[in-house]
Amino acid sequence: MSTPIISPILVMGATGKQGGAVVRALLKAGRAVRAFVRDPASPAAQALVAQGVDVVKGEFTDTASLDAALTGVDGVFSVQMGSHPGDPDTEILAGRALVEAAHRANVRIIVHSSVARAGDHENFIGWNEGRWEPLYWQNKAAVNEMVKTQGFRHWVILKPAMIMEDIVPPQADLQFATLRERGRFETAIAADTRIDWIAVDDIGAFAAAAFAEPERFHGHEIDLAAESFTLPEVAAKMTKATGKPVSAVTLSEEETLAKPHGAMTFKHESWNNVEGYKVDLDAVRSWGVPLTTLDQFIQQHRDKFVIG
């Protein structure tokens, strides 16, 4: 008797943080995975091949490569890079191309990863006065609407808050460069501002659960966070785990504006003080998907931290 053929899940961004976490979670669940990558010969893509992943080449806005990659798949994990003034269009173009191609392919379920508070941006304090960078929020919300209104049998939107991997290199070198330089967070985020945190592997676990139970997850926009901590609390946890002193200081607006890309950085960081992700942690736990605590995450990654 032949083994039934199980249609694969197509994972976008499979060599990145979120896509990679989804691949790992799906493989752990015994699902067949197809990875959409720009360069199948890259070390990251070849590592996927070694795990039994079907790697296909394509471009995020190329209809032909998307149609080919989506042939015969059961579902698709969608994620796009966030927009900024230097690249205002790619997220929308890539999101639309994928959503339309997935609908043409009649996939059973699409799981899309966005960000907490996307779609609620017009309610932000100071939104109408231009206090916050609009493109990021508007484009995230626009792709969400595409997913919701395209007509899929099942759709789920995952909305992560701050991703724990952002405090670990290489992302930390971009987002919190002074960790490597001086062993401290230097941001416009106030010392008493609580930030909602989620590990990327938990995003993968939620996606795998949604693919396994499309009916239960269908139609839900799920904010994702496991815990809330201030940056000084995060610094203390890193100090305890690594034995290296880590601290957090709050920069003034003037100090932040003096940094490279200071205006955008100040808008991004100070948003946490005024609005924040506001994730309902009890609601997240109600789905029954195991979550990683920040202590667990830091302990697991303690050898990867580069602290000045």
Protein backbone atom coordinates (compact mmCIF):
# COMPACT_ATOMS: atom_id res chain seq x y z
CA MET A 1 0.00 0.00 0.00
CA SER A 2 1.48 3.33 -1.06
CA THR A 3 2.05 6.18 1.38
CA PRO A 4 -0.37 9.08 0.80
CA ILE A 5 1.22 12.13 -0.78
CA ILE A 6 1.06 15.08 1.59
CA SER A 7 0.95 18.45 -0.14
CA PRO A 8 3.68 20.78 1.06
CA ILE A 9 3.47 24.15 2.74
CA LEU A 10 5.21 26.93 0.81
CA VAL A 11 7.26 29.13 3.14
CA MET A 12 8.30 32.59 2.04
CA GLY A 13 11.44 34.05 3.57
CA ALA A 14 12.56 30.56 4.50
CA THR A 15 16.20 31.59 4.99
CA GLY A 16 15.19 34.47 7.28
CA LYS A 17 14.20 34.63 10.94
CA GLN A 18 10.46 34.08 10.76
CA GLY A 19 10.39 31.88 7.69
CA GLY A 20 13.20 29.78 9.11
CA ALA A 21 11.30 29.31 12.36
CA VAL A 22 8.21 28.22 10.42
CA VAL A 23 10.27 25.70 8.45
CA ARG A 24 11.66 24.23 11.68
CA ALA A 25 8.23 23.99 13.27
CA LEU A 26 6.67 22.37 10.21
CA LEU A 27 9.48 19.82 9.88
CA LYS A 28 9.14 19.00 13.57
CA ALA A 29 5.42 18.40 12.96
CA GLY A 30 6.20 16.07 10.07
CA ARG A 31 4.92 18.38 7.35
CA ALA A 32 6.40 18.57 3.87
CA VAL A 33 7.95 21.99 3.25
CA ARG A 34 8.76 23.92 0.09
CA ALA A 35 11.00 26.97 0.53
CA PHE A 36 10.87 30.00 -1.75
CA VAL A 37 14.36 31.51 -2.04
CA ARG A 38 16.22 33.90 -4.31
CA ASP A 39 19.42 31.83 -4.43
CA PRO A 40 19.08 28.05 -4.06
CA ALA A 41 22.88 27.72 -4.06
CA SER A 42 23.35 29.86 -0.95
CA PRO A 43 24.59 28.12 2.21
CA ALA A 44 21.30 28.89 3.98
CA ALA A 45 19.26 27.36 1.15
CA GLN A 46 21.53 24.33 0.96
CA ALA A 47 21.10 23.81 4.70
CA LEU A 48 17.36 23.57 4.05
CA VAL A 49 17.94 21.02 1.28
CA ALA A 50 19.95 18.94 3.74
CA GLN A 51 16.90 18.84 6.02
CA GLY A 52 14.68 17.51 3.25
CA VAL A 53 13.12 20.82 2.24
CA ASP A 54 12.12 21.30 -1.39
CA VAL A 55 13.91 24.55 -2.31
CA VAL A 56 12.60 26.55 -5.28
CA LYS A 57 14.02 29.70 -6.85
CA GLY A 58 11.94 32.79 -7.30
CA GLU A 59 11.45 36.52 -6.90
CA PHE A 60 8.81 37.87 -4.52
CA THR A 61 7.10 39.99 -7.18
CA ASP A 62 7.54 37.62 -10.12
CA THR A 63 4.19 36.05 -11.03
CA ALA A 64 5.61 33.14 -13.01
CA SER A 65 7.95 31.97 -10.25
CA LEU A 66 5.22 32.34 -7.63
CA ASP A 67 2.74 30.34 -9.71
CA ALA A 68 5.31 27.59 -10.23
CA ALA A 69 6.22 27.47 -6.54
CA LEU A 70 2.58 27.32 -5.46
CA THR A 71 1.67 24.40 -7.70
CA GLY A 72 0.24 21.60 -5.57
CA VAL A 73 0.78 23.24 -2.18
CA ASP A 74 -1.67 22.96 0.71
CA GLY A 75 -0.89 26.30 2.31
CA VAL A 76 1.48 29.23 2.29
CA PHE A 77 3.33 31.20 4.97
CA SER A 78 3.50 34.85 3.97
CA VAL A 79 5.92 37.43 5.33
CA GLN A 80 7.39 40.58 3.79
CA MET A 81 10.01 43.09 4.84
CA GLY A 82 8.59 46.24 6.42
CA SER A 83 8.36 49.46 4.42
CA HIS A 84 10.31 52.66 5.00
CA PRO A 85 10.73 55.90 3.02
CA GLY A 86 13.71 54.47 1.16
CA ASP A 87 11.59 51.54 -0.06
CA PRO A 88 7.92 52.50 -0.02
CA ASP A 89 6.57 49.98 -2.53
CA THR A 90 8.20 46.54 -2.27
CA GLU A 91 6.12 45.28 0.68
CA ILE A 92 2.84 46.12 -1.06
CA LEU A 93 3.95 44.73 -4.43
CA ALA A 94 5.30 41.51 -2.91
CA GLY A 95 2.27 41.07 -0.68
CA ARG A 96 -0.19 41.57 -3.52
CA ALA A 97 1.72 39.26 -5.88
CA LEU A 98 1.80 36.46 -3.32
CA VAL A 99 -1.81 36.81 -2.17
CA GLU A 100 -3.13 36.80 -5.73
CA ALA A 101 -0.92 33.88 -6.75
CA ALA A 102 -1.95 31.87 -3.67
CA HIS A 103 -5.60 32.47 -4.48
CA ARG A 104 -5.08 31.38 -8.09
CA ALA A 105 -3.43 28.20 -6.76
CA ASN A 106 -6.48 27.55 -4.57
CA VAL A 107 -4.39 26.98 -1.46
CA ARG A 108 -6.36 25.72 1.52
CA ILE A 109 -4.87 28.16 4.02
CA ILE A 110 -2.66 31.23 4.11
CA VAL A 111 -0.88 32.21 7.32
CA HIS A 112 0.42 35.76 7.12
CA SER A 113 2.84 37.40 9.56
CA SER A 114 2.37 41.11 10.19
CA VAL A 115 2.94 43.11 13.40
CA ALA A 116 0.93 43.84 16.53
CA ARG A 117 -1.23 46.98 16.25
CA ALA A 118 -1.21 46.91 12.42
CA GLY A 119 -4.62 48.17 11.36
CA ASP A 120 -5.05 50.15 14.57
CA HIS A 121 -2.60 52.86 13.52
CA GLU A 122 -5.17 55.57 12.88
CA ASN A 123 -6.03 55.41 16.60
CA PHE A 124 -2.43 56.12 17.66
CA ILE A 125 -2.01 59.32 19.64
CA GLY A 126 -0.70 61.96 17.22
CA TRP A 127 -1.35 59.91 14.08
CA ASN A 128 -3.18 62.70 12.25
CA GLU A 129 -0.41 65.12 13.15
CA GLY A 130 2.25 62.92 11.52
CA ARG A 131 3.90 61.91 14.77
CA TRP A 132 4.75 58.39 13.52
CA GLU A 133 6.25 57.00 10.34
CA PRO A 134 3.13 56.23 8.24
CA LEU A 135 4.45 53.88 5.55
CA TYR A 136 5.36 51.08 7.92
CA TRP A 137 1.92 50.91 9.50
CA GLN A 138 -0.13 51.67 6.40
CA ASN A 139 1.57 49.03 4.27
CA LYS A 140 1.37 46.37 7.00
CA ALA A 141 -2.35 47.07 7.33
CA ALA A 142 -2.84 47.05 3.56
CA VAL A 143 -1.34 43.57 3.12
CA ASN A 144 -3.43 42.33 6.04
CA GLU A 145 -6.56 43.53 4.22
CA MET A 146 -5.47 41.76 1.05
CA VAL A 147 -5.20 38.49 2.97
CA LYS A 148 -8.59 38.96 4.65
CA THR A 149 -10.54 39.96 1.53
CA GLN A 150 -9.00 37.82 -1.22
CA GLY A 151 -11.41 34.94 -0.61
CA PHE A 152 -9.25 32.18 0.88
CA ARG A 153 -11.00 29.23 2.48
CA HIS A 154 -8.88 29.76 5.58
CA TRP A 155 -6.69 32.68 6.56
CA VAL A 156 -4.81 33.58 9.73
CA ILE A 157 -2.84 36.72 10.52
CA LEU A 158 -0.11 36.48 13.14
CA LYS A 159 0.89 39.82 14.66
CA PRO A 160 4.17 39.56 16.59
CA ALA A 161 5.32 42.26 18.99
CA MET A 162 9.06 42.84 19.63
CA ILE A 163 11.01 39.78 18.53
CA MET A 164 13.50 38.47 21.09
CA GLU A 165 16.08 37.77 18.39
CA ASP A 166 16.43 41.54 17.97
CA ILE A 167 18.75 41.60 21.01
CA VAL A 168 21.08 38.98 19.48
CA PRO A 169 23.59 39.63 16.67
CA PRO A 170 23.35 40.19 13.78
CA GLN A 171 20.03 42.01 14.27
CA ALA A 172 21.22 43.59 17.52
CA ASP A 173 24.08 45.25 15.66
CA LEU A 174 21.51 47.13 13.60
CA GLN A 175 18.84 47.78 16.20
CA PHE A 176 20.87 48.09 19.40
CA ALA A 177 24.40 48.76 18.16
CA THR A 178 25.60 50.10 21.51
CA LEU A 179 25.24 46.63 23.05
CA ARG A 180 28.37 45.58 21.16
CA GLU A 181 30.07 48.94 21.53
CA ARG A 182 29.39 49.80 25.17
CA GLY A 183 27.40 46.98 26.71
CA ARG A 184 24.19 48.93 27.02
CA PHE A 185 20.92 49.74 25.35
CA GLU A 186 20.90 53.40 24.31
CA THR A 187 17.44 54.24 23.03
CA ALA A 188 14.62 56.74 23.35
CA ILE A 189 12.61 54.05 25.15
CA ALA A 190 11.86 55.13 28.71
CA ALA A 191 13.18 53.06 31.62
CA ASP A 192 9.65 52.23 32.79
CA THR A 193 8.21 51.39 29.36
CA ARG A 194 7.20 47.75 29.21
CA ILE A 195 7.79 46.02 25.89
CA ASP A 196 5.96 42.90 24.72
CA TRP A 197 8.41 40.17 23.61
CA ILE A 198 8.01 37.05 21.47
CA ALA A 199 10.61 34.46 20.37
CA VAL A 200 10.73 33.75 16.67
CA ASP A 201 10.36 30.02 17.33
CA ASP A 202 6.99 30.78 18.95
CA ILE A 203 5.88 32.50 15.74
CA GLY A 204 6.85 29.32 13.94
CA ALA A 205 4.92 27.21 16.45
CA PHE A 206 1.78 29.31 15.99
CA ALA A 207 2.07 29.05 12.21
CA ALA A 208 2.48 25.26 12.37
CA ALA A 209 -0.55 25.03 14.69
CA ALA A 210 -2.62 27.08 12.26
CA PHE A 211 -1.63 24.88 9.33
CA ALA A 212 -2.55 21.81 11.39
CA GLU A 213 -5.94 23.20 12.45
CA PRO A 214 -7.15 25.63 9.78
CA GLU A 215 -10.74 25.62 11.00
CA ARG A 216 -9.82 26.56 14.59
CA PHE A 217 -7.53 29.39 13.57
CA HIS A 218 -9.50 30.66 10.55
CA GLY A 219 -10.36 34.33 10.50
CA HIS A 220 -8.29 35.29 13.53
CA GLU A 221 -5.76 38.08 13.84
CA ILE A 222 -3.56 36.93 16.71
CA ASP A 223 -1.29 39.34 18.55
CA LEU A 224 1.81 37.48 19.70
CA ALA A 225 3.89 38.05 22.83
CA ALA A 226 4.93 35.83 25.73
CA GLU A 227 5.97 38.41 28.33
CA SER A 228 6.43 42.14 28.95
CA PHE A 229 9.63 43.64 30.32
CA THR A 230 11.38 47.01 30.37
CA LEU A 231 14.81 47.38 28.78
CA PRO A 232 16.49 47.68 32.21
CA GLU A 233 14.86 44.36 33.15
CA VAL A 234 16.08 42.81 29.89
CA ALA A 235 19.58 44.16 30.58
CA ALA A 236 19.55 42.62 34.06
CA LYS A 237 18.55 39.24 32.64
CA MET A 238 21.36 39.42 30.07
CA THR A 239 23.85 40.33 32.82
CA LYS A 240 22.78 37.35 34.91
CA ALA A 241 23.02 34.92 31.98
CA THR A 242 26.30 36.13 30.47
CA GLY A 243 28.20 37.44 33.47
CA LYS A 244 28.89 40.64 31.53
CA PRO A 245 27.47 43.98 32.70
CA VAL A 246 24.57 45.17 30.55
CA SER A 247 22.61 48.34 31.23
CA ALA A 248 19.95 50.51 29.61
CA VAL A 249 19.88 54.27 29.33
CA THR A 250 17.22 56.55 27.89
CA LEU A 251 18.39 59.13 25.39
CA SER A 252 16.75 62.52 25.06
CA GLU A 253 15.07 63.50 21.83
CA GLU A 254 18.06 65.68 20.96
CA GLU A 255 20.51 62.84 21.60
CA THR A 256 18.46 60.43 19.49
CA LEU A 257 18.10 62.90 16.62
CA ALA A 258 21.88 63.28 16.54
CA LYS A 259 22.30 59.59 15.68
CA PRO A 260 22.33 58.29 12.07
CA HIS A 261 18.75 58.15 10.81
CA GLY A 262 17.89 59.89 14.06
CA ALA A 263 14.45 61.22 13.12
CA MET A 264 13.16 57.81 12.08
CA THR A 265 14.83 56.15 15.07
CA PHE A 266 13.18 58.58 17.48
CA LYS A 267 9.74 57.96 15.96
CA HIS A 268 10.23 54.21 16.09
CA GLU A 269 11.61 54.03 19.62
CA SER A 270 9.46 56.70 21.29
CA TRP A 271 6.33 55.02 19.90
CA ASN A 272 6.86 52.37 22.58
CA ASN A 273 6.52 55.03 25.29
CA VAL A 274 3.30 56.49 23.90
CA GLU A 275 1.53 53.50 22.33
CA GLY A 276 3.35 50.16 22.44
CA TYR A 277 2.12 46.78 21.23
CA LYS A 278 -0.53 46.29 23.96
CA VAL A 279 -0.69 42.51 23.53
CA ASP A 280 -3.23 40.64 25.67
CA LEU A 281 -0.93 37.95 27.07
CA ASP A 282 -3.82 35.86 28.43
CA ALA A 283 -5.38 35.80 24.97
CA VAL A 284 -2.13 34.52 23.49
CA ARG A 285 -1.91 31.74 26.08
CA SER A 286 -5.52 30.73 25.42
CA TRP A 287 -4.48 29.16 22.09
CA GLY A 288 -2.50 26.48 23.94
CA VAL A 289 0.70 26.99 21.97
CA PRO A 290 3.77 26.72 24.25
CA LEU A 291 5.61 30.02 24.66
CA THR A 292 9.27 30.83 25.34
CA THR A 293 10.02 33.05 28.32
CA LEU A 294 12.64 35.76 27.96
CA ASP A 295 14.78 34.03 30.59
CA GLN A 296 14.67 30.82 28.58
CA PHE A 297 15.53 32.65 25.37
CA ILE A 298 18.48 34.51 26.88
CA GLN A 299 19.82 31.31 28.44
CA GLN A 300 19.52 29.47 25.12
CA HIS A 301 21.39 32.25 23.28
CA ARG A 302 23.84 33.38 25.97
CA ASP A 303 26.87 32.35 23.90
CA LYS A 304 25.71 34.43 20.92
CA PHE A 305 25.59 37.80 22.68
CA VAL A 306 28.37 40.23 21.80
CA ILE A 307 28.56 42.74 24.64
CA GLY A 308 31.11 45.57 24.78
